[in-house]
C-alpha atoms as a PDB file:
ATOM      1  CA  MET A   1      -1.042 -12.177  -7.950  1.00  0.00           C
ATOM      2  CA  THR A   2      -4.792 -11.865  -7.782  1.00  0.00           C
ATOM      3  CA  ASP A   3      -6.560 -10.505 -10.821  1.00  0.00           C
ATOM      4  CA  SER A   4      -8.480  -8.075  -8.645  1.00  0.00           C
ATOM      5  CA  LEU A   5      -9.176  -6.988  -5.098  1.00  0.00           C
ATOM      6  CA  ILE A   6     -12.723  -7.925  -4.119  1.00  0.00           C
ATOM      7  CA  VAL A   7     -14.679  -6.047  -1.459  1.00  0.00           C
ATOM      8  CA  THR A   8     -18.333  -5.584  -0.635  1.00  0.00           C
ATOM      9  CA  ASP A   9     -20.130  -2.251  -0.407  1.00  0.00           C
ATOM     10  CA  HIS A  10     -23.587  -2.472   1.159  1.00  0.00           C
ATOM     11  CA  GLY A  11     -24.149  -5.933  -0.290  1.00  0.00           C
ATOM     12  CA  THR A  12     -22.695  -5.189  -3.725  1.00  0.00           C
ATOM     13  CA  THR A  13     -19.497  -6.955  -4.711  1.00  0.00           C
ATOM     14  CA  LEU A  14     -16.864  -4.669  -6.189  1.00  0.00           C
ATOM     15  CA  ASP A  15     -13.575  -5.661  -7.743  1.00  0.00           C
ATOM     16  CA  PHE A  16     -10.625  -3.407  -8.439  1.00  0.00           C
ATOM     17  CA  THR A  17      -7.607  -4.160 -10.590  1.00  0.00           C
ATOM     18  CA  TYR A  18      -4.157  -2.645 -10.339  1.00  0.00           C
ATOM     19  CA  GLU A  19      -4.937  -0.856 -13.610  1.00  0.00           C
ATOM     20  CA  ASP A  20      -8.056   0.654 -11.989  1.00  0.00           C
ATOM     21  CA  ALA A  21      -5.854   2.011  -9.200  1.00  0.00           C
ATOM     22  CA  LEU A  22      -3.334   3.417 -11.694  1.00  0.00           C
ATOM     23  CA  HIS A  23      -6.120   5.130 -13.634  1.00  0.00           C
ATOM     24  CA  TYR A  24      -7.536   6.614 -10.437  1.00  0.00           C
ATOM     25  CA  HIS A  25      -4.149   7.871  -9.216  1.00  0.00           C
ATOM     26  CA  GLY A  26      -2.479   8.835 -12.480  1.00  0.00           C
ATOM     27  CA  PRO A  27       1.152   8.365 -13.533  1.00  0.00           C
ATOM     28  CA  GLN A  28       3.015  10.064 -10.662  1.00  0.00           C
ATOM     29  CA  ALA A  29       3.580   7.191  -8.230  1.00  0.00           C
ATOM     30  CA  PRO A  30       3.072   3.733  -9.761  1.00  0.00           C
ATOM     31  CA  GLY A  31       5.285   2.186  -7.077  1.00  0.00           C
ATOM     32  CA  GLY A  32       3.120   3.561  -4.284  1.00  0.00           C
ATOM     33  CA  VAL A  33      -0.005   2.306  -6.030  1.00  0.00           C
ATOM     34  CA  ALA A  34       1.616  -1.127  -6.399  1.00  0.00           C
ATOM     35  CA  HIS A  35       2.562  -1.259  -2.717  1.00  0.00           C
ATOM     36  CA  ALA A  36      -0.925  -0.344  -1.510  1.00  0.00           C
ATOM     37  CA  TYR A  37      -2.421  -2.884  -3.911  1.00  0.00           C
ATOM     38  CA  LYS A  38      -0.175  -5.674  -2.560  1.00  0.00           C
ATOM     39  CA  VAL A  39      -0.846  -4.615   1.040  1.00  0.00           C
ATOM     40  CA  LEU A  40      -4.568  -4.914   0.387  1.00  0.00           C
ATOM     41  CA  GLU A  41      -4.147  -8.192  -1.468  1.00  0.00           C
ATOM     42  CA  ARG A  42      -2.295  -9.647   1.509  1.00  0.00           C
ATOM     43  CA  ALA A  43      -4.478  -8.064   4.212  1.00  0.00           C
ATOM     44  CA  LEU A  44      -7.814  -8.945   2.587  1.00  0.00           C
ATOM     45  CA  GLY A  45      -6.695 -12.548   2.288  1.00  0.00           C
ATOM     46  CA  VAL A  46      -5.836 -12.653   5.980  1.00  0.00           C
ATOM     47  CA  LEU A  47      -8.699 -10.577   7.390  1.00  0.00           C
ATOM     48  CA  GLY A  48     -11.441 -11.726   5.045  1.00  0.00           C
ATOM     49  CA  GLY A  49     -10.970 -15.439   5.460  1.00  0.00           C
ATOM     50  CA  GLU A  50     -13.108 -17.237   2.905  1.00  0.00           C
ATOM     51  CA  GLY A  51     -15.293 -14.262   2.036  1.00  0.00           C
ATOM     52  CA  SER A  52     -15.150 -10.682   1.002  1.00  0.00           C
ATOM     53  CA  VAL A  53     -14.792  -7.819   3.460  1.00  0.00           C
ATOM     54  CA  GLU A  54     -17.023  -4.769   3.779  1.00  0.00           C
ATOM     55  CA  ARG A  55     -14.877  -1.979   2.320  1.00  0.00           C
ATOM     56  CA  ARG A  56     -16.336   0.703   4.591  1.00  0.00           C
ATOM     57  CA  GLU A  57     -15.245  -1.176   7.713  1.00  0.00           C
ATOM     58  CA  LEU A  58     -11.559  -1.271   6.770  1.00  0.00           C
ATOM     59  CA  VAL A  59      -9.306   1.081   8.741  1.00  0.00           C
ATOM     60  CA  VAL A  60      -5.855   1.899   7.364  1.00  0.00           C
ATOM     61  CA  THR A  61      -2.922   3.360   9.279  1.00  0.00           C
ATOM     62  CA  THR A  62       0.487   3.751   7.697  1.00  0.00           C
ATOM     63  CA  ALA A  63       3.839   5.448   8.129  1.00  0.00           C
ATOM     64  CA  HIS A  64       3.935   6.056   4.346  1.00  0.00           C
ATOM     65  CA  GLY A  65       2.500   9.403   3.287  1.00  0.00           C
ATOM     66  CA  GLY A  66       2.830   9.024  -0.471  1.00  0.00           C
ATOM     67  CA  PRO A  67       0.021   9.965  -2.863  1.00  0.00           C
ATOM     68  CA  GLY A  68       0.020   6.670  -4.800  1.00  0.00           C
ATOM     69  CA  VAL A  69      -0.415   4.714  -1.583  1.00  0.00           C
ATOM     70  CA  ARG A  70      -3.181   7.027  -0.387  1.00  0.00           C
ATOM     71  CA  ASP A  71      -5.090   6.959  -3.668  1.00  0.00           C
ATOM     72  CA  ALA A  72      -5.017   3.171  -4.046  1.00  0.00           C
ATOM     73  CA  PHE A  73      -6.345   2.748  -0.499  1.00  0.00           C
ATOM     74  CA  GLU A  74      -9.030   5.357  -1.163  1.00  0.00           C
ATOM     75  CA  LEU A  75     -10.205   3.681  -4.360  1.00  0.00           C
ATOM     76  CA  VAL A  76     -10.683   0.295  -2.728  1.00  0.00           C
ATOM     77  CA  THR A  77     -11.723   1.239   0.828  1.00  0.00           C
ATOM     78  CA  ARG A  78     -13.015   4.859   0.731  1.00  0.00           C
ATOM     79  CA  ALA A  79     -11.014   5.211   3.974  1.00  0.00           C
ATOM     80  CA  VAL A  80      -9.511   8.621   3.138  1.00  0.00           C
ATOM     81  CA  THR A  81     -12.850  10.281   2.416  1.00  0.00           C
ATOM     82  CA  GLU A  82     -14.535   8.651   5.397  1.00  0.00           C
ATOM     83  CA  GLY A  83     -11.789   9.376   7.959  1.00  0.00           C
ATOM     84  CA  ARG A  84     -10.526   5.810   8.372  1.00  0.00           C
ATOM     85  CA  TYR A  85      -7.095   6.495   6.852  1.00  0.00           C
ATOM     86  CA  THR A  86      -4.258   7.864   8.975  1.00  0.00           C
ATOM     87  CA  VAL A  87      -0.616   8.591   8.262  1.00  0.00           C
ATOM     88  CA  ASP A  88       1.119   7.918  11.576  1.00  0.00           C
ATOM     89  CA  SER A  89       4.892   8.374  11.758  1.00  0.00           C
ATOM     90  CA  SER A  90       5.034   6.313  14.967  1.00  0.00           C
ATOM     91  CA  LEU A  91       4.521   3.179  12.823  1.00  0.00           C
ATOM     92  CA  ALA A  92       7.835   3.817  11.036  1.00  0.00           C
ATOM     93  CA  ARG A  93      10.605   1.347  11.680  1.00  0.00           C
ATOM     94  CA  PRO A  94      13.811   3.380  11.284  1.00  0.00           C
ATOM     95  CA  GLU A  95      15.895   0.424  12.435  1.00  0.00           C
ATOM     96  CA  ARG A  96      15.072  -1.161   9.061  1.00  0.00           C
ATOM     97  CA  GLY A  97      16.947   1.598   7.195  1.00  0.00           C
ATOM     98  CA  ASN A  98      15.815   4.437   4.936  1.00  0.00           C
ATOM     99  CA  ALA A  99      14.461   2.230   2.165  1.00  0.00           C
ATOM    100  CA  LEU A 100      12.151   0.140   4.355  1.00  0.00           C
ATOM    101  CA  ALA A 101      11.310   2.338   7.349  1.00  0.00           C
ATOM    102  CA  LEU A 102       8.078   3.873   6.039  1.00  0.00           C
ATOM    103  CA  TYR A 103       6.679   0.780   4.320  1.00  0.00           C
ATOM    104  CA  VAL A 104       4.602  -0.255   7.320  1.00  0.00           C
ATOM    105  CA  PHE A 105       0.829  -0.585   7.084  1.00  0.00           C
ATOM    106  CA  ARG A 106      -1.840  -1.594   9.603  1.00  0.00           C
ATOM    107  CA  VAL A 107      -5.176  -2.666   8.176  1.00  0.00           C
ATOM    108  CA  GLY A 108      -7.973  -3.153  10.696  1.00  0.00           C
ATOM    109  CA  TYR A 109     -11.228  -4.967  10.184  1.00  0.00           C
ATOM    110  CA  ARG A 110     -13.904  -5.829  12.754  1.00  0.00           C
ATOM    111  CA  GLY A 111     -11.546  -5.796  15.732  1.00  0.00           C
ATOM    112  CA  ALA A 112      -8.690  -7.635  14.026  1.00  0.00           C
ATOM    113  CA  SER A 113      -5.608  -6.077  12.504  1.00  0.00           C
ATOM    114  CA  ALA A 114      -2.887  -7.045  10.089  1.00  0.00           C
ATOM    115  CA  THR A 115       0.379  -5.115  10.306  1.00  0.00           C
ATOM    116  CA  LEU A 116       2.377  -5.478   7.129  1.00  0.00           C
ATOM    117  CA  THR A 117       6.044  -4.677   6.567  1.00  0.00           C
ATOM    118  CA  VAL A 118       7.754  -4.784   3.201  1.00  0.00           C
ATOM    119  CA  ARG A 119      10.484  -7.349   2.695  1.00  0.00           C
ATOM    120  CA  GLU A 120      13.959  -6.432   1.529  1.00  0.00           C
ATOM    121  CA  GLY A 121      14.591  -6.116  -2.176  1.00  0.00           C
ATOM    122  CA  PHE A 122      11.393  -4.322  -3.186  1.00  0.00           C
ATOM    123  CA  VAL A 123      12.425  -0.744  -2.352  1.00  0.00           C
ATOM    124  CA  VAL A 124      15.887   0.475  -3.334  1.00  0.00           C
ATOM    125  CA  ASP A 125      17.891   3.102  -1.476  1.00  0.00           C
ATOM    126  CA  GLU A 126      18.442   5.162  -4.634  1.00  0.00           C
ATOM    127  CA  LEU A 127      14.697   5.710  -5.026  1.00  0.00           C
ATOM    128  CA  ILE A 128      14.334   6.962  -1.451  1.00  0.00           C
ATOM    129  CA  THR A 129      17.381   9.214  -1.743  1.00  0.00           C
ATOM    130  CA  LEU A 130      16.169  10.771  -4.993  1.00  0.00           C
ATOM    131  CA  SER A 131      12.579  11.154  -3.805  1.00  0.00           C
ATOM    132  CA  ARG A 132      13.771  13.144  -0.763  1.00  0.00           C
ATOM    133  CA  LYS A 133      16.161  15.342  -2.735  1.00  0.00           C
ATOM    134  CA  THR A 134      14.791  18.894  -2.756  1.00  0.00           C
ATOM    135  CA  ASP A 135      16.750  20.270  -5.718  1.00  0.00           C
ATOM    136  CA  ARG A 136      16.268  17.508  -8.296  1.00  0.00           C
ATOM    137  CA  THR A 137      17.578  18.137 -11.780  1.00  0.00           C
ATOM    138  CA  ALA A 138      15.769  17.059 -14.955  1.00  0.00           C
ATOM    139  CA  GLU A 139      18.123  14.068 -15.038  1.00  0.00           C
ATOM    140  CA  ASP A 140      17.196  13.237 -11.421  1.00  0.00           C
ATOM    141  CA  GLU A 141      13.484  13.442 -12.285  1.00  0.00           C
ATOM    142  CA  SER A 142      13.973  11.130 -15.230  1.00  0.00           C
ATOM    143  CA  ARG A 143      15.900   8.615 -13.138  1.00  0.00           C
ATOM    144  CA  LEU A 144      13.278   8.786 -10.357  1.00  0.00           C
ATOM    145  CA  THR A 145      10.528   8.039 -12.862  1.00  0.00           C
ATOM    146  CA  VAL A 146      12.429   4.946 -14.015  1.00  0.00           C
ATOM    147  CA  LEU A 147      13.032   3.791 -10.430  1.00  0.00           C
ATOM    148  CA  LYS A 148       9.327   4.190  -9.547  1.00  0.00           C
ATOM    149  CA  GLN A 149       8.285   2.144 -12.562  1.00  0.00           C
ATOM    150  CA  GLU A 150      10.888  -0.543 -11.860  1.00  0.00           C
ATOM    151  CA  MET A 151       9.629  -0.813  -8.279  1.00  0.00           C
ATOM    152  CA  ALA A 152       6.040  -1.115  -9.469  1.00  0.00           C
ATOM    153  CA  VAL A 153       6.999  -3.962 -11.812  1.00  0.00           C
ATOM    154  CA  ARG A 154       9.010  -5.695  -9.073  1.00  0.00           C
ATOM    155  CA  VAL A 155       6.127  -5.475  -6.604  1.00  0.00           C
ATOM    156  CA  MET A 156       3.318  -6.383  -8.998  1.00  0.00           C
ATOM    157  CA  SER A 157       5.169  -9.345 -10.513  1.00  0.00           C
ATOM    158  CA  SER A 158       5.527 -10.972  -7.080  1.00  0.00           C
ATOM    159  CA  PRO A 159       2.972 -12.769  -4.920  1.00  0.00           C
ATOM    160  CA  ALA A 160       1.770 -10.571  -2.043  1.00  0.00           C
ATOM    161  CA  GLU A 161       3.104 -13.142   0.423  1.00  0.00           C
ATOM    162  CA  SER A 162       6.621 -12.580  -0.880  1.00  0.00           C
ATOM    163  CA  VAL A 163       6.373  -8.766  -0.809  1.00  0.00           C
ATOM    164  CA  TYR A 164       4.922  -8.242   2.675  1.00  0.00           C
ATOM    165  CA  ASP A 165       5.337  -9.946   6.027  1.00  0.00           C
ATOM    166  CA  VAL A 166       2.227  -9.830   8.174  1.00  0.00           C
ATOM    167  CA  GLU A 167       1.555  -9.846  11.921  1.00  0.00           C
ATOM    168  CA  ILE A 168      -2.002 -10.512  13.046  1.00  0.00           C
ATOM    169  CA  GLY A 169      -3.324  -8.718  16.093  1.00  0.00           C
ATOM    170  CA  THR A 170      -6.376  -7.101  17.589  1.00  0.00           C
ATOM    171  CA  LEU A 171      -7.355  -3.467  17.548  1.00  0.00           C
ATOM    172  CA  PRO A 172      -7.695  -1.586  20.834  1.00  0.00           C
ATOM    173  CA  ALA A 173     -11.290  -1.359  22.028  1.00  0.00           C
END
């Protein structure tokens, strides 16, 4: 795991930790924050080569509409505010099952793209089932909170390369 995500903003180097992203988002979705953090860790390593990337040139498209994911991407890239962040259900991979289908992210940078898909074992079916349940009880809410935190720990304690597979491509002109 990297200690921080490093990007450049108009010539100034910025670094963001997972804790920064949690503070920005709040306590609701630590698992989503962890996933976005690992996606960026993996994508920046692939797209940035030896140097840092310009944060305001990163474009993010995902099938995952969760608030933790969105907020972590916003903190590091400013893509939500600046219209470079899109939730696109066509990226979903339903053939991967309920737990993995929405954990697909495309990060574009200067004509290149990295499409990342979560590997098995990082998202559990129970979490997805409970998160989609409309009439959750207090017990359900408590269990969901535990599952979110467990997922965050699982994701953050693993190297990005073991959490996400990546396909490199080019963005349409």
